[in-house]
Amino acid sequence: MPFLRRLDGDVKQPIPRGAFPITLALSVGLGILGIAALRLAHAPALPGGAFVRALSAVFAAGPLEIALHLGLMSVVVWLARGRRWVGIFAAALALVLFHLTGGA
């Protein structure tokens, strides 16, 4: 969060020295937890090798995140007169609906 606060214009609060390693460790841990949950749920494996799946994250997930968070969330926050939670909720709901409909 300190990194995001700086992007949001809050430069008053310095970034703690341990923020990056903690963020990295939590990200890796949550990724491993997600993989374990998919294995326990017997989710089907995605087609292609690791390189193809890594590229799909850049060329498929990246634009989706940009469209939802930079586009939709920003517009909703603007329409809601700065209420960030409304934009976050709208973007999360759109992401869930996108995946539930199979990306249609």
PDB file of N, CA and C in Angstrom:
ATOM      1  N   MET A   1       0.798  -1.211   0.000  1.00  0.00           N
ATOM      2  CA  MET A   1       0.000   0.000   0.000  1.00  0.00           C
ATOM      3  C   MET A   1       0.839   1.273   0.000  1.00  0.00           C
ATOM      4  N   PRO A   2       2.014   1.289   0.619  1.00  0.00           N
ATOM      5  CA  PRO A   2       2.784   2.536   0.557  1.00  0.00           C
ATOM      6  C   PRO A   2       3.126   2.938  -0.872  1.00  0.00           C
ATOM      7  N   PHE A   3       3.375   1.952  -1.743  1.00  0.00           N
ATOM      8  CA  PHE A   3       3.691   2.265  -3.129  1.00  0.00           C
ATOM      9  C   PHE A   3       2.487   2.886  -3.824  1.00  0.00           C
ATOM     10  N   LEU A   4       1.294   2.330  -3.576  1.00  0.00           N
ATOM     11  CA  LEU A   4       0.092   2.861  -4.190  1.00  0.00           C
ATOM     12  C   LEU A   4      -0.256   4.235  -3.641  1.00  0.00           C
ATOM     13  N   ARG A   5      -0.003   4.456  -2.375  1.00  0.00           N
ATOM     14  CA  ARG A   5      -0.271   5.783  -1.799  1.00  0.00           C
ATOM     15  C   ARG A   5       0.610   6.848  -2.446  1.00  0.00           C
ATOM     16  N   ARG A   6       1.839   6.486  -2.763  1.00  0.00           N
ATOM     17  CA  ARG A   6       2.723   7.448  -3.437  1.00  0.00           C
ATOM     18  C   ARG A   6       2.221   7.752  -4.837  1.00  0.00           C
ATOM     19  N   LEU A   7       1.716   6.723  -5.540  1.00  0.00           N
ATOM     20  CA  LEU A   7       1.160   6.959  -6.868  1.00  0.00           C
ATOM     21  C   LEU A   7      -0.084   7.829  -6.790  1.00  0.00           C
ATOM     22  N   ASP A   8      -0.791   7.740  -5.687  1.00  0.00           N
ATOM     23  CA  ASP A   8      -2.007   8.509  -5.480  1.00  0.00           C
ATOM     24  C   ASP A   8      -1.711   9.951  -5.064  1.00  0.00           C
ATOM     25  N   GLY A   9      -0.433  10.279  -4.914  1.00  0.00           N
ATOM     26  CA  GLY A   9      -0.055  11.641  -4.577  1.00  0.00           C
ATOM     27  C   GLY A   9       0.272  11.870  -3.116  1.00  0.00           C
ATOM     28  N   ASP A  10       0.210  10.852  -2.282  1.00  0.00           N
ATOM     29  CA  ASP A  10       0.520  10.982  -0.861  1.00  0.00           C
ATOM     30  C   ASP A  10       2.006  10.719  -0.657  1.00  0.00           C
ATOM     31  N   VAL A  11       2.820  11.774  -0.770  1.00  0.00           N
ATOM     32  CA  VAL A  11       4.264  11.616  -0.615  1.00  0.00           C
ATOM     33  C   VAL A  11       4.719  11.946   0.808  1.00  0.00           C
ATOM     34  N   LYS A  12       3.780  12.226   1.678  1.00  0.00           N
ATOM     35  CA  LYS A  12       4.125  12.573   3.051  1.00  0.00           C
ATOM     36  C   LYS A  12       4.660  11.376   3.820  1.00  0.00           C
ATOM     37  N   GLN A  13       4.134  10.203   3.520  1.00  0.00           N
ATOM     38  CA  GLN A  13       4.500   9.008   4.263  1.00  0.00           C
ATOM     39  C   GLN A  13       5.643   8.286   3.546  1.00  0.00           C
ATOM     40  N   PRO A  14       6.796   8.143   4.214  1.00  0.00           N
ATOM     41  CA  PRO A  14       7.899   7.437   3.563  1.00  0.00           C
ATOM     42  C   PRO A  14       7.614   5.935   3.467  1.00  0.00           C
ATOM     43  N   ILE A  15       8.193   5.302   2.448  1.00  0.00           N
ATOM     44  CA  ILE A  15       8.022   3.863   2.260  1.00  0.00           C
ATOM     45  C   ILE A  15       8.955   3.152   3.241  1.00  0.00           C
ATOM     46  N   PRO A  16       8.403   2.267   4.070  1.00  0.00           N
ATOM     47  CA  PRO A  16       9.252   1.535   5.027  1.00  0.00           C
ATOM     48  C   PRO A  16      10.272   0.667   4.300  1.00  0.00           C
ATOM     49  N   ARG A  17      11.416   0.436   4.933  1.00  0.00           N
ATOM     50  CA  ARG A  17      12.487  -0.346   4.321  1.00  0.00           C
ATOM     51  C   ARG A  17      12.062  -1.778   4.005  1.00  0.00           C
ATOM     52  N   GLY A  18      11.214  -2.356   4.814  1.00  0.00           N
ATOM     53  CA  GLY A  18      10.821  -3.740   4.614  1.00  0.00           C
ATOM     54  C   GLY A  18       9.577  -3.923   3.768  1.00  0.00           C
ATOM     55  N   ALA A  19       9.059  -2.858   3.160  1.00  0.00           N
ATOM     56  CA  ALA A  19       7.800  -2.963   2.416  1.00  0.00           C
ATOM     57  C   ALA A  19       7.936  -3.856   1.187  1.00  0.00           C
ATOM     58  N   PHE A  20       8.999  -3.685   0.431  1.00  0.00           N
ATOM     59  CA  PHE A  20       9.142  -4.473  -0.797  1.00  0.00           C
ATOM     60  C   PHE A  20       9.335  -5.958  -0.520  1.00  0.00           C
ATOM     61  N   PRO A  21      10.244  -6.360   0.384  1.00  0.00           N
ATOM     62  CA  PRO A  21      10.383  -7.798   0.646  1.00  0.00           C
ATOM     63  C   PRO A  21       9.109  -8.437   1.209  1.00  0.00           C
ATOM     64  N   ILE A  22       8.392  -7.712   2.049  1.00  0.00           N
ATOM     65  CA  ILE A  22       7.144  -8.244   2.606  1.00  0.00           C
ATOM     66  C   ILE A  22       6.110  -8.409   1.501  1.00  0.00           C
ATOM     67  N   THR A  23       5.992  -7.411   0.625  1.00  0.00           N
ATOM     68  CA  THR A  23       5.059  -7.486  -0.488  1.00  0.00           C
ATOM     69  C   THR A  23       5.403  -8.639  -1.412  1.00  0.00           C
ATOM     70  N   LEU A  24       6.682  -8.800  -1.717  1.00  0.00           N
ATOM     71  CA  LEU A  24       7.128  -9.886  -2.583  1.00  0.00           C
ATOM     72  C   LEU A  24       6.835 -11.248  -1.959  1.00  0.00           C
ATOM     73  N   ALA A  25       7.135 -11.394  -0.665  1.00  0.00           N
ATOM     74  CA  ALA A  25       6.900 -12.671   0.024  1.00  0.00           C
ATOM     75  C   ALA A  25       5.410 -13.003   0.076  1.00  0.00           C
ATOM     76  N   LEU A  26       4.578 -12.012   0.353  1.00  0.00           N
ATOM     77  CA  LEU A  26       3.131 -12.249   0.382  1.00  0.00           C
ATOM     78  C   LEU A  26       2.596 -12.606  -1.005  1.00  0.00           C
ATOM     79  N   SER A  27       3.109 -11.957  -2.032  1.00  0.00           N
ATOM     80  CA  SER A  27       2.668 -12.255  -3.392  1.00  0.00           C
ATOM     81  C   SER A  27       3.018 -13.682  -3.789  1.00  0.00           C
ATOM     82  N   VAL A  28       4.245 -14.086  -3.507  1.00  0.00           N
ATOM     83  CA  VAL A  28       4.667 -15.448  -3.825  1.00  0.00           C
ATOM     84  C   VAL A  28       3.850 -16.451  -3.002  1.00  0.00           C
ATOM     85  N   GLY A  29       3.668 -16.175  -1.728  1.00  0.00           N
ATOM     86  CA  GLY A  29       2.891 -17.069  -0.870  1.00  0.00           C
ATOM     87  C   GLY A  29       1.459 -17.218  -1.342  1.00  0.00           C
ATOM     88  N   LEU A  30       0.814 -16.107  -1.714  1.00  0.00           N
ATOM     89  CA  LEU A  30      -0.561 -16.177  -2.206  1.00  0.00           C
ATOM     90  C   LEU A  30      -0.634 -16.887  -3.554  1.00  0.00           C
ATOM     91  N   GLY A  31       0.399 -16.722  -4.379  1.00  0.00           N
ATOM     92  CA  GLY A  31       0.448 -17.451  -5.653  1.00  0.00           C
ATOM     93  C   GLY A  31       0.524 -18.947  -5.427  1.00  0.00           C
ATOM     94  N   ILE A  32       1.367 -19.360  -4.495  1.00  0.00           N
ATOM     95  CA  ILE A  32       1.490 -20.784  -4.163  1.00  0.00           C
ATOM     96  C   ILE A  32       0.176 -21.310  -3.586  1.00  0.00           C
ATOM     97  N   LEU A  33      -0.463 -20.519  -2.738  1.00  0.00           N
ATOM     98  CA  LEU A  33      -1.756 -20.900  -2.178  1.00  0.00           C
ATOM     99  C   LEU A  33      -2.808 -21.051  -3.278  1.00  0.00           C
ATOM    100  N   GLY A  34      -2.789 -20.163  -4.257  1.00  0.00           N
ATOM    101  CA  GLY A  34      -3.723 -20.253  -5.377  1.00  0.00           C
ATOM    102  C   GLY A  34      -3.491 -21.497  -6.209  1.00  0.00           C
ATOM    103  N   ILE A  35      -2.225 -21.820  -6.468  1.00  0.00           N
ATOM    104  CA  ILE A  35      -1.907 -23.034  -7.222  1.00  0.00           C
ATOM    105  C   ILE A  35      -2.372 -24.263  -6.453  1.00  0.00           C
ATOM    106  N   ALA A  36      -2.136 -24.283  -5.152  1.00  0.00           N
ATOM    107  CA  ALA A  36      -2.565 -25.417  -4.333  1.00  0.00           C
ATOM    108  C   ALA A  36      -4.086 -25.560  -4.355  1.00  0.00           C
ATOM    109  N   ALA A  37      -4.802 -24.442  -4.300  1.00  0.00           N
ATOM    110  CA  ALA A  37      -6.264 -24.496  -4.332  1.00  0.00           C
ATOM    111  C   ALA A  37      -6.750 -25.043  -5.670  1.00  0.00           C
ATOM    112  N   LEU A  38      -6.102 -24.651  -6.767  1.00  0.00           N
ATOM    113  CA  LEU A  38      -6.491 -25.176  -8.077  1.00  0.00           C
ATOM    114  C   LEU A  38      -6.225 -26.675  -8.177  1.00  0.00           C
ATOM    115  N   ARG A  39      -5.115 -27.122  -7.607  1.00  0.00           N
ATOM    116  CA  ARG A  39      -4.799 -28.566  -7.632  1.00  0.00           C
ATOM    117  C   ARG A  39      -5.795 -29.348  -6.780  1.00  0.00           C
ATOM    118  N   LEU A  40      -6.137 -28.811  -5.616  1.00  0.00           N
ATOM    119  CA  LEU A  40      -7.097 -29.499  -4.743  1.00  0.00           C
ATOM    120  C   LEU A  40      -8.488 -29.561  -5.367  1.00  0.00           C
ATOM    121  N   ALA A  41      -8.828 -28.552  -6.151  1.00  0.00           N
ATOM    122  CA  ALA A  41     -10.135 -28.514  -6.807  1.00  0.00           C
ATOM    123  C   ALA A  41     -10.130 -29.299  -8.116  1.00  0.00           C
ATOM    124  N   HIS A  42      -8.971 -29.866  -8.463  1.00  0.00           N
ATOM    125  CA  HIS A  42      -8.809 -30.626  -9.707  1.00  0.00           C
ATOM    126  C   HIS A  42      -9.201 -29.807 -10.929  1.00  0.00           C
ATOM    127  N   ALA A  43      -8.771 -28.551 -10.944  1.00  0.00           N
ATOM    128  CA  ALA A  43      -9.035 -27.681 -12.082  1.00  0.00           C
ATOM    129  C   ALA A  43      -8.239 -28.181 -13.284  1.00  0.00           C
ATOM    130  N   PRO A  44      -8.803 -28.097 -14.477  1.00  0.00           N
ATOM    131  CA  PRO A  44      -8.069 -28.577 -15.650  1.00  0.00           C
ATOM    132  C   PRO A  44      -6.845 -27.708 -15.919  1.00  0.00           C
ATOM    133  N   ALA A  45      -5.797 -28.340 -16.400  1.00  0.00           N
ATOM    134  CA  ALA A  45      -4.566 -27.607 -16.708  1.00  0.00           C
ATOM    135  C   ALA A  45      -4.779 -26.742 -17.947  1.00  0.00           C
ATOM    136  N   LEU A  46      -4.174 -25.585 -17.944  1.00  0.00           N
ATOM    137  CA  LEU A  46      -4.268 -24.711 -19.102  1.00  0.00           C
ATOM    138  C   LEU A  46      -3.408 -25.264 -20.231  1.00  0.00           C
ATOM    139  N   PRO A  47      -3.815 -25.060 -21.468  1.00  0.00           N
ATOM    140  CA  PRO A  47      -3.018 -25.571 -22.583  1.00  0.00           C
ATOM    141  C   PRO A  47      -1.723 -24.788 -22.735  1.00  0.00           C
ATOM    142  N   GLY A  48      -0.707 -25.446 -23.296  1.00  0.00           N
ATOM    143  CA  GLY A  48       0.564 -24.788 -23.560  1.00  0.00           C
ATOM    144  C   GLY A  48       1.532 -24.942 -22.408  1.00  0.00           C
ATOM    145  N   GLY A  49       2.770 -24.582 -22.687  1.00  0.00           N
ATOM    146  CA  GLY A  49       3.813 -24.662 -21.678  1.00  0.00           C
ATOM    147  C   GLY A  49       3.826 -23.438 -20.783  1.00  0.00           C
ATOM    148  N   ALA A  50       4.804 -23.392 -19.913  1.00  0.00           N
ATOM    149  CA  ALA A  50       4.912 -22.273 -18.961  1.00  0.00           C
ATOM    150  C   ALA A  50       5.134 -20.952 -19.681  1.00  0.00           C
ATOM    151  N   PHE A  51       5.906 -20.963 -20.766  1.00  0.00           N
ATOM    152  CA  PHE A  51       6.180 -19.731 -21.508  1.00  0.00           C
ATOM    153  C   PHE A  51       4.898 -19.182 -22.141  1.00  0.00           C
ATOM    154  N   VAL A  52       4.103 -20.063 -22.723  1.00  0.00           N
ATOM    155  CA  VAL A  52       2.845 -19.646 -23.352  1.00  0.00           C
ATOM    156  C   VAL A  52       1.896 -19.087 -22.303  1.00  0.00           C
ATOM    157  N   ARG A  53       1.824 -19.722 -21.150  1.00  0.00           N
ATOM    158  CA  ARG A  53       0.938 -19.228 -20.088  1.00  0.00           C
ATOM    159  C   ARG A  53       1.434 -17.887 -19.542  1.00  0.00           C
ATOM    160  N   ALA A  54       2.758 -17.717 -19.468  1.00  0.00           N
ATOM    161  CA  ALA A  54       3.301 -16.428 -19.013  1.00  0.00           C
ATOM    162  C   ALA A  54       2.955 -15.326 -20.006  1.00  0.00           C
ATOM    163  N   LEU A  55       3.049 -15.635 -21.293  1.00  0.00           N
ATOM    164  CA  LEU A  55       2.678 -14.644 -22.304  1.00  0.00           C
ATOM    165  C   LEU A  55       1.186 -14.326 -22.249  1.00  0.00           C
ATOM    166  N   SER A  56       0.365 -15.326 -21.940  1.00  0.00           N
ATOM    167  CA  SER A  56      -1.071 -15.068 -21.857  1.00  0.00           C
ATOM    168  C   SER A  56      -1.391 -14.114 -20.721  1.00  0.00           C
ATOM    169  N   ALA A  57      -0.585 -14.146 -19.667  1.00  0.00           N
ATOM    170  CA  ALA A  57      -0.801 -13.204 -18.562  1.00  0.00           C
ATOM    171  C   ALA A  57      -0.565 -11.773 -19.028  1.00  0.00           C
ATOM    172  N   VAL A  58       0.413 -11.609 -19.913  1.00  0.00           N
ATOM    173  CA  VAL A  58       0.733 -10.269 -20.415  1.00  0.00           C
ATOM    174  C   VAL A  58      -0.290  -9.819 -21.451  1.00  0.00           C
ATOM    175  N   PHE A  59      -0.627 -10.707 -22.381  1.00  0.00           N
ATOM    176  CA  PHE A  59      -1.460 -10.301 -23.513  1.00  0.00           C
ATOM    177  C   PHE A  59      -2.954 -10.529 -23.315  1.00  0.00           C
ATOM    178  N   ALA A  60      -3.350 -11.250 -22.285  1.00  0.00           N
ATOM    179  CA  ALA A  60      -4.777 -11.460 -22.027  1.00  0.00           C
ATOM    180  C   ALA A  60      -5.194 -10.796 -20.724  1.00  0.00           C
ATOM    181  N   ALA A  61      -4.504 -11.134 -19.646  1.00  0.00           N
ATOM    182  CA  ALA A  61      -4.880 -10.584 -18.340  1.00  0.00           C
ATOM    183  C   ALA A  61      -4.518  -9.107 -18.233  1.00  0.00           C
ATOM    184  N   GLY A  62      -3.413  -8.715 -18.823  1.00  0.00           N
ATOM    185  CA  GLY A  62      -2.982  -7.313 -18.749  1.00  0.00           C
ATOM    186  C   GLY A  62      -4.011  -6.346 -19.301  1.00  0.00           C
ATOM    187  N   PRO A  63      -4.463  -6.534 -20.558  1.00  0.00           N
ATOM    188  CA  PRO A  63      -5.484  -5.622 -21.093  1.00  0.00           C
ATOM    189  C   PRO A  63      -6.797  -5.656 -20.313  1.00  0.00           C
ATOM    190  N   LEU A  64      -7.159  -6.836 -19.800  1.00  0.00           N
ATOM    191  CA  LEU A  64      -8.379  -6.917 -18.994  1.00  0.00           C
ATOM    192  C   LEU A  64      -8.246  -6.069 -17.735  1.00  0.00           C
ATOM    193  N   GLU A  65      -7.117  -6.178 -17.070  1.00  0.00           N
ATOM    194  CA  GLU A  65      -6.890  -5.377 -15.863  1.00  0.00           C
ATOM    195  C   GLU A  65      -6.873  -3.890 -16.185  1.00  0.00           C
ATOM    196  N   ILE A  66      -6.260  -3.535 -17.307  1.00  0.00           N
ATOM    197  CA  ILE A  66      -6.212  -2.120 -17.698  1.00  0.00           C
ATOM    198  C   ILE A  66      -7.622  -1.608 -17.981  1.00  0.00           C
ATOM    199  N   ALA A  67      -8.392  -2.402 -18.727  1.00  0.00           N
ATOM    200  CA  ALA A  67      -9.749  -1.972 -19.066  1.00  0.00           C
ATOM    201  C   ALA A  67     -10.607  -1.825 -17.822  1.00  0.00           C
ATOM    202  N   LEU A  68     -10.504  -2.790 -16.902  1.00  0.00           N
ATOM    203  CA  LEU A  68     -11.366  -2.741 -15.721  1.00  0.00           C
ATOM    204  C   LEU A  68     -10.894  -1.728 -14.694  1.00  0.00           C
ATOM    205  N   HIS A  69      -9.618  -1.751 -14.375  1.00  0.00           N
ATOM    206  CA  HIS A  69      -9.154  -0.904 -13.280  1.00  0.00           C
ATOM    207  C   HIS A  69      -8.801   0.510 -13.718  1.00  0.00           C
ATOM    208  N   LEU A  70      -8.149   0.640 -14.845  1.00  0.00           N
ATOM    209  CA  LEU A  70      -7.824   1.996 -15.285  1.00  0.00           C
ATOM    210  C   LEU A  70      -9.046   2.658 -15.915  1.00  0.00           C
ATOM    211  N   GLY A  71      -9.807   1.871 -16.667  1.00  0.00           N
ATOM    212  CA  GLY A  71     -10.969   2.432 -17.338  1.00  0.00           C
ATOM    213  C   GLY A  71     -12.208   2.476 -16.476  1.00  0.00           C
ATOM    214  N   LEU A  72     -12.804   1.308 -16.253  1.00  0.00           N
ATOM    215  CA  LEU A  72     -14.080   1.234 -15.541  1.00  0.00           C
ATOM    216  C   LEU A  72     -13.998   1.809 -14.131  1.00  0.00           C
ATOM    217  N   MET A  73     -12.992   1.386 -13.373  1.00  0.00           N
ATOM    218  CA  MET A  73     -12.905   1.842 -11.992  1.00  0.00           C
ATOM    219  C   MET A  73     -12.709   3.357 -11.924  1.00  0.00           C
ATOM    220  N   SER A  74     -11.877   3.905 -12.799  1.00  0.00           N
ATOM    221  CA  SER A  74     -11.649   5.353 -12.792  1.00  0.00           C
ATOM    222  C   SER A  74     -12.925   6.120 -13.119  1.00  0.00           C
ATOM    223  N   VAL A  75     -13.672   5.638 -14.100  1.00  0.00           N
ATOM    224  CA  VAL A  75     -14.914   6.311 -14.480  1.00  0.00           C
ATOM    225  C   VAL A  75     -15.934   6.244 -13.344  1.00  0.00           C
ATOM    226  N   VAL A  76     -16.047   5.070 -12.721  1.00  0.00           N
ATOM    227  CA  VAL A  76     -17.011   4.924 -11.626  1.00  0.00           C
ATOM    228  C   VAL A  76     -16.628   5.802 -10.436  1.00  0.00           C
ATOM    229  N   VAL A  77     -15.330   5.858 -10.115  1.00  0.00           N
ATOM    230  CA  VAL A  77     -14.879   6.734  -9.020  1.00  0.00           C
ATOM    231  C   VAL A  77     -15.186   8.189  -9.362  1.00  0.00           C
ATOM    232  N   TRP A  78     -14.974   8.567 -10.602  1.00  0.00           N
ATOM    233  CA  TRP A  78     -15.267   9.938 -11.030  1.00  0.00           C
ATOM    234  C   TRP A  78     -16.764  10.226 -10.922  1.00  0.00           C
ATOM    235  N   LEU A  79     -17.594   9.272 -11.389  1.00  0.00           N
ATOM    236  CA  LEU A  79     -19.047   9.466 -11.306  1.00  0.00           C
ATOM    237  C   LEU A  79     -19.546   9.452  -9.861  1.00  0.00           C
ATOM    238  N   ALA A  80     -18.866   8.702  -9.000  1.00  0.00           N
ATOM    239  CA  ALA A  80     -19.257   8.612  -7.588  1.00  0.00           C
ATOM    240  C   ALA A  80     -18.602   9.714  -6.757  1.00  0.00           C
ATOM    241  N   ARG A  81     -18.063  10.709  -7.421  1.00  0.00           N
ATOM    242  CA  ARG A  81     -17.462  11.882  -6.771  1.00  0.00           C
ATOM    243  C   ARG A  81     -16.347  11.526  -5.794  1.00  0.00           C
ATOM    244  N   GLY A  82     -15.455  10.647  -6.261  1.00  0.00           N
ATOM    245  CA  GLY A  82     -14.266  10.337  -5.481  1.00  0.00           C
ATOM    246  C   GLY A  82     -14.398   9.192  -4.501  1.00  0.00           C
ATOM    247  N   ARG A  83     -15.515   8.526  -4.484  1.00  0.00           N
ATOM    248  CA  ARG A  83     -15.671   7.384  -3.564  1.00  0.00           C
ATOM    249  C   ARG A  83     -14.984   6.169  -4.180  1.00  0.00           C
ATOM    250  N   ARG A  84     -13.798   5.876  -3.689  1.00  0.00           N
ATOM    251  CA  ARG A  84     -12.994   4.802  -4.268  1.00  0.00           C
ATOM    252  C   ARG A  84     -13.633   3.435  -4.106  1.00  0.00           C
ATOM    253  N   TRP A  85     -14.274   3.189  -2.983  1.00  0.00           N
ATOM    254  CA  TRP A  85     -14.835   1.863  -2.734  1.00  0.00           C
ATOM    255  C   TRP A  85     -15.885   1.506  -3.770  1.00  0.00           C
ATOM    256  N   VAL A  86     -16.612   2.493  -4.283  1.00  0.00           N
ATOM    257  CA  VAL A  86     -17.628   2.225  -5.294  1.00  0.00           C
ATOM    258  C   VAL A  86     -16.959   1.747  -6.583  1.00  0.00           C
ATOM    259  N   GLY A  87     -15.865   2.395  -6.965  1.00  0.00           N
ATOM    260  CA  GLY A  87     -15.125   1.990  -8.158  1.00  0.00           C
ATOM    261  C   GLY A  87     -14.490   0.628  -8.012  1.00  0.00           C
ATOM    262  N   ILE A  88     -13.933   0.360  -6.835  1.00  0.00           N
ATOM    263  CA  ILE A  88     -13.316  -0.944  -6.583  1.00  0.00           C
ATOM    264  C   ILE A  88     -14.371  -2.041  -6.658  1.00  0.00           C
ATOM    265  N   PHE A  89     -15.515  -1.803  -6.055  1.00  0.00           N
ATOM    266  CA  PHE A  89     -16.606  -2.782  -6.085  1.00  0.00           C
ATOM    267  C   PHE A  89     -17.087  -3.018  -7.513  1.00  0.00           C
ATOM    268  N   ALA A  90     -17.246  -1.954  -8.283  1.00  0.00           N
ATOM    269  CA  ALA A  90     -17.730  -2.093  -9.664  1.00  0.00           C
ATOM    270  C   ALA A  90     -16.734  -2.880 -10.511  1.00  0.00           C
ATOM    271  N   ALA A  91     -15.437  -2.593 -10.364  1.00  0.00           N
ATOM    272  CA  ALA A  91     -14.423  -3.311 -11.139  1.00  0.00           C
ATOM    273  C   ALA A  91     -14.361  -4.779 -10.725  1.00  0.00           C
ATOM    274  N   ALA A  92     -14.473  -5.052  -9.432  1.00  0.00           N
ATOM    275  CA  ALA A  92     -14.454  -6.445  -8.962  1.00  0.00           C
ATOM    276  C   ALA A  92     -15.679  -7.200  -9.461  1.00  0.00           C
ATOM    277  N   LEU A  93     -16.830  -6.562  -9.426  1.00  0.00           N
ATOM    278  CA  LEU A  93     -18.045  -7.189  -9.915  1.00  0.00           C
ATOM    279  C   LEU A  93     -17.948  -7.471 -11.413  1.00  0.00           C
ATOM    280  N   ALA A  94     -17.423  -6.525 -12.175  1.00  0.00           N
ATOM    281  CA  ALA A  94     -17.250  -6.730 -13.618  1.00  0.00           C
ATOM    282  C   ALA A  94     -16.279  -7.874 -13.894  1.00  0.00           C
ATOM    283  N   LEU A  95     -15.216  -7.989 -13.107  1.00  0.00           N
ATOM    284  CA  LEU A  95     -14.248  -9.063 -13.290  1.00  0.00           C
ATOM    285  C   LEU A  95     -14.889 -10.420 -12.999  1.00  0.00           C
ATOM    286  N   VAL A  96     -15.665 -10.502 -11.932  1.00  0.00           N
ATOM    287  CA  VAL A  96     -16.345 -11.757 -11.595  1.00  0.00           C
ATOM    288  C   VAL A  96     -17.341 -12.123 -12.693  1.00  0.00           C
ATOM    289  N   LEU A  97     -18.133 -11.163 -13.144  1.00  0.00           N
ATOM    290  CA  LEU A  97     -19.110 -11.446 -14.194  1.00  0.00           C
ATOM    291  C   LEU A  97     -18.430 -11.853 -15.496  1.00  0.00           C
ATOM    292  N   PHE A  98     -17.309 -11.228 -15.807  1.00  0.00           N
ATOM    293  CA  PHE A  98     -16.551 -11.597 -17.005  1.00  0.00           C
ATOM    294  C   PHE A  98     -16.115 -13.054 -16.952  1.00  0.00           C
ATOM    295  N   HIS A  99     -15.600 -13.477 -15.805  1.00  0.00           N
ATOM    296  CA  HIS A  99     -15.125 -14.856 -15.686  1.00  0.00           C
ATOM    297  C   HIS A  99     -16.280 -15.855 -15.570  1.00  0.00           C
ATOM    298  N   LEU A 100     -17.364 -15.482 -14.923  1.00  0.00           N
ATOM    299  CA  LEU A 100     -18.509 -16.386 -14.825  1.00  0.00           C
ATOM    300  C   LEU A 100     -19.181 -16.639 -16.162  1.00  0.00           C
ATOM    301  N   THR A 101     -19.128 -15.655 -17.052  1.00  0.00           N
ATOM    302  CA  THR A 101     -19.741 -15.814 -18.360  1.00  0.00           C
ATOM    303  C   THR A 101     -18.784 -16.444 -19.366  1.00  0.00           C
ATOM    304  N   GLY A 102     -17.599 -16.796 -18.923  1.00  0.00           N
ATOM    305  CA  GLY A 102     -16.630 -17.414 -19.820  1.00  0.00           C
ATOM    306  C   GLY A 102     -15.918 -16.399 -20.695  1.00  0.00           C
ATOM    307  N   GLY A 103     -15.898 -15.168 -20.284  1.00  0.00           N
ATOM    308  CA  GLY A 103     -15.190 -14.139 -21.028  1.00  0.00           C
ATOM    309  C   GLY A 103     -16.009 -13.547 -22.157  1.00  0.00           C
ATOM    310  N   ALA A 104     -17.300 -13.774 -22.140  1.00  0.00           N
ATOM    311  CA  ALA A 104     -18.144 -13.238 -23.215  1.00  0.00           C
ATOM    312  C   ALA A 104     -18.368 -11.761 -23.034  1.00  0.00           C
TER     313      ALA A 104
END
